[in-house]
Amino acid sequence: MQETGLAASERPRITAPHRELLDQVLDKWSLQVLEELCEQPQRFNELRRAIPVVTQKSLTAALRRLERNGMVERVVTSTRPLAVQYRITPLGTTLQGLLDALLCWTTVNMADVERARERYDDEV
């Protein structure tokens, strides 16, 4: 792991609440929902079209998890018929740089990861 400059006693430890939050925010559908909503607010069906492989059930679950964790808010508009729009919250926006950094890391290192996977698979 890369050194952060913090003494070992000052570095955060991964606890059960940390794992739970990271699992909920970094799962495959939540990442894509956050990516879409960082661009602009969207209605449910707009998100389904933007992420065509997600099922309605999985998208609903991801939106609820993100809403519960304060990353996304559900806004009901007073139009006829009523419409629901999802948008990123200020807390959710703080993830954008981190997600961009992770995506950049995966892009830069994907070839090395693929080679490591091939070596491992050849040995097993």
C-alpha atoms as a PDB file:
ATOM      1  CA  MET A   1       0.000   0.000   0.000  1.00  0.00           C
ATOM      2  CA  GLN A   2       1.110   3.515  -0.686  1.00  0.00           C
ATOM      3  CA  GLU A   3       2.343   5.495   2.327  1.00  0.00           C
ATOM      4  CA  THR A   4      -0.041   8.303   3.278  1.00  0.00           C
ATOM      5  CA  GLY A   5       2.352  10.233   5.479  1.00  0.00           C
ATOM      6  CA  LEU A   6       0.287   9.486   8.580  1.00  0.00           C
ATOM      7  CA  ALA A   7       1.677   7.543  11.487  1.00  0.00           C
ATOM      8  CA  ALA A   8       0.188   4.065  11.804  1.00  0.00           C
ATOM      9  CA  SER A   9      -1.757   5.132  14.892  1.00  0.00           C
ATOM     10  CA  GLU A  10      -3.298   8.079  12.982  1.00  0.00           C
ATOM     11  CA  ARG A  11      -4.455   6.142   9.907  1.00  0.00           C
ATOM     12  CA  PRO A  12      -8.120   5.151   9.814  1.00  0.00           C
ATOM     13  CA  ARG A  13      -8.813   1.468  10.348  1.00  0.00           C
ATOM     14  CA  ILE A  14     -11.286  -0.478   8.269  1.00  0.00           C
ATOM     15  CA  THR A  15     -14.137  -1.298  10.603  1.00  0.00           C
ATOM     16  CA  ALA A  16     -17.478  -2.988   9.960  1.00  0.00           C
ATOM     17  CA  PRO A  17     -19.237   0.366   9.353  1.00  0.00           C
ATOM     18  CA  HIS A  18     -16.517   1.344   6.854  1.00  0.00           C
ATOM     19  CA  ARG A  19     -16.886  -1.966   4.998  1.00  0.00           C
ATOM     20  CA  GLU A  20     -20.675  -1.650   4.926  1.00  0.00           C
ATOM     21  CA  LEU A  21     -20.596   1.899   3.552  1.00  0.00           C
ATOM     22  CA  LEU A  22     -17.949   1.085   0.935  1.00  0.00           C
ATOM     23  CA  ASP A  23     -19.867  -2.038  -0.128  1.00  0.00           C
ATOM     24  CA  GLN A  24     -23.027   0.014  -0.571  1.00  0.00           C
ATOM     25  CA  VAL A  25     -21.452   2.971  -2.354  1.00  0.00           C
ATOM     26  CA  LEU A  26     -18.946   1.101  -4.526  1.00  0.00           C
ATOM     27  CA  ASP A  27     -21.079  -1.772  -5.780  1.00  0.00           C
ATOM     28  CA  LYS A  28     -21.406  -2.106  -9.519  1.00  0.00           C
ATOM     29  CA  TRP A  29     -24.781  -0.396  -9.972  1.00  0.00           C
ATOM     30  CA  SER A  30     -24.215   2.359  -7.428  1.00  0.00           C
ATOM     31  CA  LEU A  31     -21.021   3.401  -9.205  1.00  0.00           C
ATOM     32  CA  GLN A  32     -22.855   3.737 -12.496  1.00  0.00           C
ATOM     33  CA  VAL A  33     -25.779   5.584 -10.909  1.00  0.00           C
ATOM     34  CA  LEU A  34     -23.391   8.029  -9.240  1.00  0.00           C
ATOM     35  CA  GLU A  35     -21.550   8.540 -12.525  1.00  0.00           C
ATOM     36  CA  GLU A  36     -24.803   9.355 -14.317  1.00  0.00           C
ATOM     37  CA  LEU A  37     -26.176  11.617 -11.598  1.00  0.00           C
ATOM     38  CA  CYS A  38     -22.916  13.555 -11.307  1.00  0.00           C
ATOM     39  CA  GLU A  39     -23.624  14.673 -14.880  1.00  0.00           C
ATOM     40  CA  GLN A  40     -27.217  15.772 -14.287  1.00  0.00           C
ATOM     41  CA  PRO A  41     -30.391  14.900 -12.356  1.00  0.00           C
ATOM     42  CA  GLN A  42     -32.411  12.144 -13.998  1.00  0.00           C
ATOM     43  CA  ARG A  43     -35.695  10.365 -13.724  1.00  0.00           C
ATOM     44  CA  PHE A  44     -35.803   6.626 -13.080  1.00  0.00           C
ATOM     45  CA  ASN A  45     -36.413   5.634 -16.706  1.00  0.00           C
ATOM     46  CA  GLU A  46     -33.667   7.964 -17.908  1.00  0.00           C
ATOM     47  CA  LEU A  47     -31.287   6.118 -15.602  1.00  0.00           C
ATOM     48  CA  ARG A  48     -32.535   2.776 -16.945  1.00  0.00           C
ATOM     49  CA  ARG A  49     -31.836   3.917 -20.483  1.00  0.00           C
ATOM     50  CA  ALA A  50     -28.399   5.241 -19.488  1.00  0.00           C
ATOM     51  CA  ILE A  51     -27.546   1.914 -17.800  1.00  0.00           C
ATOM     52  CA  PRO A  52     -29.357  -0.549 -20.081  1.00  0.00           C
ATOM     53  CA  VAL A  53     -28.039  -3.743 -18.454  1.00  0.00           C
ATOM     54  CA  VAL A  54     -29.426  -2.916 -14.992  1.00  0.00           C
ATOM     55  CA  THR A  55     -32.739  -4.461 -14.006  1.00  0.00           C
ATOM     56  CA  GLN A  56     -35.522  -2.364 -12.542  1.00  0.00           C
ATOM     57  CA  LYS A  57     -35.134  -4.184  -9.215  1.00  0.00           C
ATOM     58  CA  SER A  58     -31.351  -3.617  -9.065  1.00  0.00           C
ATOM     59  CA  LEU A  59     -31.658   0.049 -10.017  1.00  0.00           C
ATOM     60  CA  THR A  60     -34.342   0.610  -7.381  1.00  0.00           C
ATOM     61  CA  ALA A  61     -32.172  -1.084  -4.741  1.00  0.00           C
ATOM     62  CA  ALA A  62     -29.096   0.963  -5.709  1.00  0.00           C
ATOM     63  CA  LEU A  63     -31.048   4.230  -5.607  1.00  0.00           C
ATOM     64  CA  ARG A  64     -32.492   3.378  -2.194  1.00  0.00           C
ATOM     65  CA  ARG A  65     -29.037   2.495  -0.803  1.00  0.00           C
ATOM     66  CA  LEU A  66     -27.554   5.716  -2.142  1.00  0.00           C
ATOM     67  CA  GLU A  67     -30.479   7.749  -0.829  1.00  0.00           C
ATOM     68  CA  ARG A  68     -30.233   6.107   2.606  1.00  0.00           C
ATOM     69  CA  ASN A  69     -26.510   6.918   2.732  1.00  0.00           C
ATOM     70  CA  GLY A  70     -27.108  10.551   1.763  1.00  0.00           C
ATOM     71  CA  MET A  71     -25.451  10.379  -1.673  1.00  0.00           C
ATOM     72  CA  VAL A  72     -28.606  10.798  -3.755  1.00  0.00           C
ATOM     73  CA  GLU A  73     -31.867  12.558  -3.137  1.00  0.00           C
ATOM     74  CA  ARG A  74     -35.261  11.736  -4.532  1.00  0.00           C
ATOM     75  CA  VAL A  75     -37.234  14.823  -5.541  1.00  0.00           C
ATOM     76  CA  VAL A  76     -40.947  14.665  -6.312  1.00  0.00           C
ATOM     77  CA  THR A  77     -41.996  17.418  -8.713  1.00  0.00           C
ATOM     78  CA  SER A  78     -45.484  18.827  -8.538  1.00  0.00           C
ATOM     79  CA  THR A  79     -46.282  18.325 -12.205  1.00  0.00           C
ATOM     80  CA  ARG A  80     -49.254  16.438 -13.563  1.00  0.00           C
ATOM     81  CA  PRO A  81     -48.681  13.526 -13.364  1.00  0.00           C
ATOM     82  CA  LEU A  82     -46.260  13.633 -10.463  1.00  0.00           C
ATOM     83  CA  ALA A  83     -42.673  12.987 -11.472  1.00  0.00           C
ATOM     84  CA  VAL A  84     -39.731  11.744  -9.448  1.00  0.00           C
ATOM     85  CA  GLN A  85     -36.212  12.881 -10.200  1.00  0.00           C
ATOM     86  CA  TYR A  86     -32.983  11.691  -8.632  1.00  0.00           C
ATOM     87  CA  ARG A  87     -30.038  13.975  -8.116  1.00  0.00           C
ATOM     88  CA  ILE A  88     -26.662  13.861  -6.467  1.00  0.00           C
ATOM     89  CA  THR A  89     -26.377  15.521  -3.061  1.00  0.00           C
ATOM     90  CA  PRO A  90     -23.483  17.705  -1.916  1.00  0.00           C
ATOM     91  CA  LEU A  91     -22.214  14.680   0.045  1.00  0.00           C
ATOM     92  CA  GLY A  92     -22.469  12.513  -3.068  1.00  0.00           C
ATOM     93  CA  THR A  93     -20.584  15.118  -5.081  1.00  0.00           C
ATOM     94  CA  THR A  94     -17.602  14.696  -2.750  1.00  0.00           C
ATOM     95  CA  LEU A  95     -17.178  11.182  -4.190  1.00  0.00           C
ATOM     96  CA  GLN A  96     -16.701  12.364  -7.773  1.00  0.00           C
ATOM     97  CA  GLY A  97     -12.953  13.038  -7.506  1.00  0.00           C
ATOM     98  CA  LEU A  98     -12.401   9.736  -5.708  1.00  0.00           C
ATOM     99  CA  LEU A  99     -14.369   7.790  -8.308  1.00  0.00           C
ATOM    100  CA  ASP A 100     -12.515   9.554 -11.125  1.00  0.00           C
ATOM    101  CA  ALA A 101      -9.204   8.640  -9.445  1.00  0.00           C
ATOM    102  CA  LEU A 102     -10.239   4.972  -9.150  1.00  0.00           C
ATOM    103  CA  LEU A 103     -11.344   4.894 -12.786  1.00  0.00           C
ATOM    104  CA  CYS A 104      -8.072   6.496 -13.855  1.00  0.00           C
ATOM    105  CA  TRP A 105      -6.115   3.957 -11.782  1.00  0.00           C
ATOM    106  CA  THR A 106      -7.983   1.044 -13.375  1.00  0.00           C
ATOM    107  CA  THR A 107      -7.397   2.466 -16.846  1.00  0.00           C
ATOM    108  CA  VAL A 108      -3.662   2.962 -16.264  1.00  0.00           C
ATOM    109  CA  ASN A 109      -3.157  -0.418 -14.568  1.00  0.00           C
ATOM    110  CA  MET A 110      -5.590  -2.692 -16.421  1.00  0.00           C
ATOM    111  CA  ALA A 111      -2.919  -4.251 -18.641  1.00  0.00           C
ATOM    112  CA  ASP A 112      -0.784  -5.117 -15.592  1.00  0.00           C
ATOM    113  CA  VAL A 113      -3.800  -6.586 -13.819  1.00  0.00           C
ATOM    114  CA  GLU A 114      -4.690  -8.692 -16.859  1.00  0.00           C
ATOM    115  CA  ARG A 115      -1.110 -10.028 -17.035  1.00  0.00           C
ATOM    116  CA  ALA A 116      -1.171 -10.859 -13.323  1.00  0.00           C
ATOM    117  CA  ARG A 117      -4.492 -12.668 -13.765  1.00  0.00           C
ATOM    118  CA  GLU A 118      -3.099 -14.687 -16.678  1.00  0.00           C
ATOM    119  CA  ARG A 119       0.014 -15.661 -14.677  1.00  0.00           C
ATOM    120  CA  TYR A 120      -2.115 -16.698 -11.718  1.00  0.00           C
ATOM    121  CA  ASP A 121      -4.563 -18.678 -13.872  1.00  0.00           C
ATOM    122  CA  ASP A 122      -1.663 -20.445 -15.619  1.00  0.00           C
ATOM    123  CA  GLU A 123      -0.188 -21.496 -12.251  1.00  0.00           C
ATOM    124  CA  VAL A 124      -3.431 -22.703 -10.684  1.00  0.00           C
END
